Amino acid sequence: MLSLRRSILTQSIPKTFTSISASSKYSTIRNLSRAESVKLKELKEGQIWSYHHRPQDTSSRLIIYKIDHINGKDIIHITVDGLNFSGKNIIIYHLPFEREYFEQDITELIGHCTEKPANETIEGYKYWKEDSGKAWSKTVAECIEMIEKIYKDRNIEIK
C-alpha cells in the first residue's frame, strides 16, 4: 500500500489522507433489483454506485462510507475502487465530496457493501475530521485525474 500524505497535497486538493492500494476489499455486495436501482439519489452509507468514470476506469465504482452534515452542507465520503493508474488496479480509500457534485456524477445504484470499511478508509476519515478537511467540488473523475497527476509529477511509484 502506498499513501499520498497530506504534506504533498496542493491547496486545490481538500485536506485528506488518501491511500491507494492494488487490491480490493469490497468483494461482498448484495445485488439490487432494477426497481431498487431506479431510486437514484437516495444516498445511504454502504451503497455502491456506478458513475461517470474516466475511460480507463471501466470497472471503477464508488462506495459511500459516511455522510456528514457540516456547515449546512452534506459531505459524502467515498472509497473508489477499480481505478487504473498507469496500468495498475488501485483503490483510493477516502475522498470527501460535496453532495451536489457527487449526485451529478453517479449513474446507477448497483449494490450495498456488507463488509466493514477498510482500516485505510477509517483512518483517512479520521485525518480529514482532525484537519477540519474540505470536500471536493469537482466530479469524481476530475479529482482522480488530479490525484494521478500528483503521483506522476512527483514520481511516486504505485506498488
C-alpha atoms as a PDB file:
ATOM      1  CA  MET A   1       0.000   0.000   0.000  1.00  0.00           C
ATOM      2  CA  LEU A   2       1.175   3.496  -0.793  1.00  0.00           C
ATOM      3  CA  SER A   3      -0.074   6.608   0.942  1.00  0.00           C
ATOM      4  CA  LEU A   4      -0.464  10.068  -0.528  1.00  0.00           C
ATOM      5  CA  ARG A   5       0.254  12.083   2.591  1.00  0.00           C
ATOM      6  CA  ARG A   6      -1.306  15.429   3.403  1.00  0.00           C
ATOM      7  CA  SER A   7       2.062  17.186   3.203  1.00  0.00           C
ATOM      8  CA  ILE A   8       2.296  16.791  -0.586  1.00  0.00           C
ATOM      9  CA  LEU A   9      -1.233  17.879  -1.374  1.00  0.00           C
ATOM     10  CA  THR A  10      -1.677  21.236  -3.039  1.00  0.00           C
ATOM     11  CA  GLN A  11      -4.151  23.877  -1.884  1.00  0.00           C
ATOM     12  CA  SER A  12      -6.570  22.866  -4.624  1.00  0.00           C
ATOM     13  CA  ILE A  13      -6.971  19.439  -3.029  1.00  0.00           C
ATOM     14  CA  PRO A  14      -9.076  19.112   0.132  1.00  0.00           C
ATOM     15  CA  LYS A  15      -7.196  18.220   3.304  1.00  0.00           C
ATOM     16  CA  THR A  16      -7.482  14.475   3.430  1.00  0.00           C
ATOM     17  CA  PHE A  17      -5.365  11.414   3.816  1.00  0.00           C
ATOM     18  CA  THR A  18      -5.648   9.437   0.616  1.00  0.00           C
ATOM     19  CA  SER A  19      -4.407   5.871   0.465  1.00  0.00           C
ATOM     20  CA  ILE A  20      -4.305   3.732  -2.597  1.00  0.00           C
ATOM     21  CA  SER A  21      -3.744   0.031  -2.897  1.00  0.00           C
ATOM     22  CA  ALA A  22      -3.602  -2.587  -5.610  1.00  0.00           C
ATOM     23  CA  SER A  23      -6.257  -4.868  -4.098  1.00  0.00           C
ATOM     24  CA  SER A  24      -9.971  -4.633  -3.403  1.00  0.00           C
ATOM     25  CA  LYS A  25     -11.517  -5.370  -0.006  1.00  0.00           C
ATOM     26  CA  TYR A  26     -15.027  -4.726  -1.242  1.00  0.00           C
ATOM     27  CA  SER A  27     -15.900  -8.008  -2.908  1.00  0.00           C
ATOM     28  CA  THR A  28     -19.023  -8.791  -0.890  1.00  0.00           C
ATOM     29  CA  ILE A  29     -22.004  -6.906  -2.247  1.00  0.00           C
ATOM     30  CA  ARG A  30     -25.709  -7.541  -2.321  1.00  0.00           C
ATOM     31  CA  ASN A  31     -27.056  -7.085  -5.839  1.00  0.00           C
ATOM     32  CA  LEU A  32     -30.097  -4.865  -6.136  1.00  0.00           C
ATOM     33  CA  SER A  33     -33.142  -5.357  -8.293  1.00  0.00           C
ATOM     34  CA  ARG A  34     -33.777  -2.971 -11.174  1.00  0.00           C
ATOM     35  CA  ALA A  35     -36.609  -1.372  -9.167  1.00  0.00           C
ATOM     36  CA  GLU A  36     -34.252  -0.643  -6.287  1.00  0.00           C
ATOM     37  CA  SER A  37     -31.576   0.805  -8.576  1.00  0.00           C
ATOM     38  CA  VAL A  38     -34.088   3.232 -10.118  1.00  0.00           C
ATOM     39  CA  LYS A  39     -34.371   5.004  -6.739  1.00  0.00           C
ATOM     40  CA  LEU A  40     -31.492   7.280  -7.582  1.00  0.00           C
ATOM     41  CA  LYS A  41     -30.017   9.829  -5.254  1.00  0.00           C
ATOM     42  CA  GLU A  42     -31.403   8.378  -2.013  1.00  0.00           C
ATOM     43  CA  LEU A  43     -27.909   8.234  -0.570  1.00  0.00           C
ATOM     44  CA  LYS A  44     -27.051   5.906   2.303  1.00  0.00           C
ATOM     45  CA  GLU A  45     -23.846   4.662   3.841  1.00  0.00           C
ATOM     46  CA  GLY A  46     -22.678   1.389   2.304  1.00  0.00           C
ATOM     47  CA  GLN A  47     -24.224   1.974  -1.114  1.00  0.00           C
ATOM     48  CA  ILE A  48     -22.190   1.087  -4.198  1.00  0.00           C
ATOM     49  CA  TRP A  49     -22.680   3.316  -7.254  1.00  0.00           C
ATOM     50  CA  SER A  50     -21.533   3.380 -10.842  1.00  0.00           C
ATOM     51  CA  TYR A  51     -20.553   6.847 -12.052  1.00  0.00           C
ATOM     52  CA  HIS A  52     -19.253   8.890 -14.967  1.00  0.00           C
ATOM     53  CA  HIS A  53     -15.726   7.462 -14.822  1.00  0.00           C
ATOM     54  CA  ARG A  54     -12.605   8.094 -16.850  1.00  0.00           C
ATOM     55  CA  PRO A  55     -12.268   5.901 -19.984  1.00  0.00           C
ATOM     56  CA  GLN A  56      -9.541   3.767 -18.375  1.00  0.00           C
ATOM     57  CA  ASP A  57     -11.604   3.110 -15.206  1.00  0.00           C
ATOM     58  CA  THR A  58     -14.371   0.923 -16.656  1.00  0.00           C
ATOM     59  CA  SER A  59     -14.535  -1.374 -13.600  1.00  0.00           C
ATOM     60  CA  SER A  60     -14.455   1.507 -11.119  1.00  0.00           C
ATOM     61  CA  ARG A  61     -17.239   2.065  -8.601  1.00  0.00           C
ATOM     62  CA  LEU A  62     -17.965   4.339  -5.646  1.00  0.00           C
ATOM     63  CA  ILE A  63     -18.727   3.072  -2.149  1.00  0.00           C
ATOM     64  CA  ILE A  64     -20.313   5.506   0.313  1.00  0.00           C
ATOM     65  CA  TYR A  65     -18.510   5.257   3.647  1.00  0.00           C
ATOM     66  CA  LYS A  66     -20.129   8.090   5.551  1.00  0.00           C
ATOM     67  CA  ILE A  67     -22.434  11.067   5.089  1.00  0.00           C
ATOM     68  CA  ASP A  68     -21.708  14.163   7.199  1.00  0.00           C
ATOM     69  CA  HIS A  69     -23.745  17.342   7.602  1.00  0.00           C
ATOM     70  CA  ILE A  70     -21.281  20.206   8.115  1.00  0.00           C
ATOM     71  CA  ASN A  71     -21.997  23.936   7.914  1.00  0.00           C
ATOM     72  CA  GLY A  72     -25.292  23.329   6.149  1.00  0.00           C
ATOM     73  CA  LYS A  73     -23.784  21.038   3.512  1.00  0.00           C
ATOM     74  CA  ASP A  74     -23.877  17.291   3.051  1.00  0.00           C
ATOM     75  CA  ILE A  75     -20.425  15.775   2.628  1.00  0.00           C
ATOM     76  CA  ILE A  76     -20.311  12.320   1.038  1.00  0.00           C
ATOM     77  CA  HIS A  77     -17.219  10.295   1.978  1.00  0.00           C
ATOM     78  CA  ILE A  78     -16.398   7.578  -0.518  1.00  0.00           C
ATOM     79  CA  THR A  79     -13.981   4.817  -1.408  1.00  0.00           C
ATOM     80  CA  VAL A  80     -13.233   4.424  -5.116  1.00  0.00           C
ATOM     81  CA  ASP A  81     -12.089   1.014  -6.302  1.00  0.00           C
ATOM     82  CA  GLY A  82     -11.289  -0.433  -9.710  1.00  0.00           C
ATOM     83  CA  LEU A  83      -9.170   2.545 -10.782  1.00  0.00           C
ATOM     84  CA  ASN A  84      -6.438   2.230 -13.386  1.00  0.00           C
ATOM     85  CA  PHE A  85      -3.315   4.266 -12.581  1.00  0.00           C
ATOM     86  CA  SER A  86      -0.665   3.578 -15.230  1.00  0.00           C
ATOM     87  CA  GLY A  87      -1.954   0.051 -15.805  1.00  0.00           C
ATOM     88  CA  LYS A  88      -2.275  -0.823 -12.108  1.00  0.00           C
ATOM     89  CA  ASN A  89      -5.620  -1.562 -10.456  1.00  0.00           C
ATOM     90  CA  ILE A  90      -5.873   0.586  -7.323  1.00  0.00           C
ATOM     91  CA  ILE A  91      -8.225   1.859  -4.628  1.00  0.00           C
ATOM     92  CA  ILE A  92      -8.498   5.374  -3.213  1.00  0.00           C
ATOM     93  CA  TYR A  93      -9.828   4.741   0.269  1.00  0.00           C
ATOM     94  CA  HIS A  94     -11.127   8.165   1.260  1.00  0.00           C
ATOM     95  CA  LEU A  95     -12.395  11.069  -0.804  1.00  0.00           C
ATOM     96  CA  PRO A  96     -14.912  13.619   0.540  1.00  0.00           C
ATOM     97  CA  PHE A  97     -17.335  15.265  -1.917  1.00  0.00           C
ATOM     98  CA  GLU A  98     -19.971  17.943  -1.668  1.00  0.00           C
ATOM     99  CA  ARG A  99     -23.291  16.184  -2.186  1.00  0.00           C
ATOM    100  CA  GLU A 100     -24.345  18.230  -5.229  1.00  0.00           C
ATOM    101  CA  TYR A 101     -21.217  17.200  -7.174  1.00  0.00           C
ATOM    102  CA  PHE A 102     -21.460  13.587  -6.081  1.00  0.00           C
ATOM    103  CA  GLU A 103     -25.124  13.385  -7.134  1.00  0.00           C
ATOM    104  CA  GLN A 104     -24.325  14.802 -10.580  1.00  0.00           C
ATOM    105  CA  ASP A 105     -21.701  12.100 -11.082  1.00  0.00           C
ATOM    106  CA  ILE A 106     -23.486   8.907 -10.029  1.00  0.00           C
ATOM    107  CA  THR A 107     -25.389   6.909 -12.629  1.00  0.00           C
ATOM    108  CA  GLU A 108     -26.795   3.741 -11.057  1.00  0.00           C
ATOM    109  CA  LEU A 109     -27.092   2.168  -7.631  1.00  0.00           C
ATOM    110  CA  ILE A 110     -25.511  -1.264  -8.126  1.00  0.00           C
ATOM    111  CA  GLY A 111     -25.331  -2.766  -4.658  1.00  0.00           C
ATOM    112  CA  HIS A 112     -24.652  -2.430  -0.979  1.00  0.00           C
ATOM    113  CA  CYS A 113     -21.348  -3.201   0.742  1.00  0.00           C
ATOM    114  CA  THR A 114     -21.827  -5.733   3.532  1.00  0.00           C
ATOM    115  CA  GLU A 115     -18.240  -5.617   4.794  1.00  0.00           C
ATOM    116  CA  LYS A 116     -16.758  -3.388   7.458  1.00  0.00           C
ATOM    117  CA  PRO A 117     -14.874  -0.440   5.888  1.00  0.00           C
ATOM    118  CA  ALA A 118     -11.145  -0.920   5.371  1.00  0.00           C
ATOM    119  CA  ASN A 119      -8.866   0.451   8.090  1.00  0.00           C
ATOM    120  CA  GLU A 120      -7.421   2.845   5.496  1.00  0.00           C
ATOM    121  CA  THR A 121     -10.891   4.310   4.929  1.00  0.00           C
ATOM    122  CA  ILE A 122     -11.480   4.791   8.653  1.00  0.00           C
ATOM    123  CA  GLU A 123      -8.014   6.303   9.097  1.00  0.00           C
ATOM    124  CA  GLY A 124      -8.471   8.660   6.129  1.00  0.00           C
ATOM    125  CA  TYR A 125     -11.777   9.900   7.515  1.00  0.00           C
ATOM    126  CA  LYS A 126     -10.210  10.392  10.953  1.00  0.00           C
ATOM    127  CA  TYR A 127      -7.380  12.531   9.495  1.00  0.00           C
ATOM    128  CA  TRP A 128      -9.882  14.512   7.441  1.00  0.00           C
ATOM    129  CA  LYS A 129     -12.004  15.220  10.542  1.00  0.00           C
ATOM    130  CA  GLU A 130      -8.968  16.189  12.677  1.00  0.00           C
ATOM    131  CA  ASP A 131      -7.790  18.617   9.975  1.00  0.00           C
ATOM    132  CA  SER A 132     -11.255  20.162   9.524  1.00  0.00           C
ATOM    133  CA  GLY A 133     -10.921  18.963   5.957  1.00  0.00           C
ATOM    134  CA  LYS A 134     -12.756  20.313   2.973  1.00  0.00           C
ATOM    135  CA  ALA A 135     -14.677  18.445   0.311  1.00  0.00           C
ATOM    136  CA  TRP A 136     -14.180  18.226  -3.418  1.00  0.00           C
ATOM    137  CA  SER A 137     -16.382  20.458  -5.527  1.00  0.00           C
ATOM    138  CA  LYS A 138     -15.500  18.728  -8.802  1.00  0.00           C
ATOM    139  CA  THR A 139     -16.505  15.467 -10.430  1.00  0.00           C
ATOM    140  CA  VAL A 140     -15.021  12.216  -9.174  1.00  0.00           C
ATOM    141  CA  ALA A 141     -13.226  11.682 -12.499  1.00  0.00           C
ATOM    142  CA  GLU A 142     -11.637  15.164 -12.329  1.00  0.00           C
ATOM    143  CA  CYS A 143     -10.426  14.523  -8.776  1.00  0.00           C
ATOM    144  CA  ILE A 144      -8.983  11.138  -9.679  1.00  0.00           C
ATOM    145  CA  GLU A 145      -7.212  12.694 -12.661  1.00  0.00           C
ATOM    146  CA  MET A 146      -5.665  15.342 -10.358  1.00  0.00           C
ATOM    147  CA  ILE A 147      -4.527  12.714  -7.839  1.00  0.00           C
ATOM    148  CA  GLU A 148      -2.956  10.556 -10.544  1.00  0.00           C
ATOM    149  CA  LYS A 149      -1.175  13.640 -11.924  1.00  0.00           C
ATOM    150  CA  ILE A 150       0.285  14.371  -8.457  1.00  0.00           C
ATOM    151  CA  TYR A 151       1.686  10.849  -8.307  1.00  0.00           C
ATOM    152  CA  LYS A 152       3.194  11.147 -11.785  1.00  0.00           C
ATOM    153  CA  ASP A 153       4.578  14.669 -11.230  1.00  0.00           C
ATOM    154  CA  ARG A 154       6.288  13.569  -8.015  1.00  0.00           C
ATOM    155  CA  ASN A 155       7.488  10.265  -9.491  1.00  0.00           C
ATOM    156  CA  ILE A 156       5.722   8.330  -6.740  1.00  0.00           C
ATOM    157  CA  GLU A 157       5.684   4.631  -7.564  1.00  0.00           C
ATOM    158  CA  ILE A 158       2.411   2.793  -7.117  1.00  0.00           C
ATOM    159  CA  LYS A 159       3.044  -0.758  -5.962  1.00  0.00           C
END
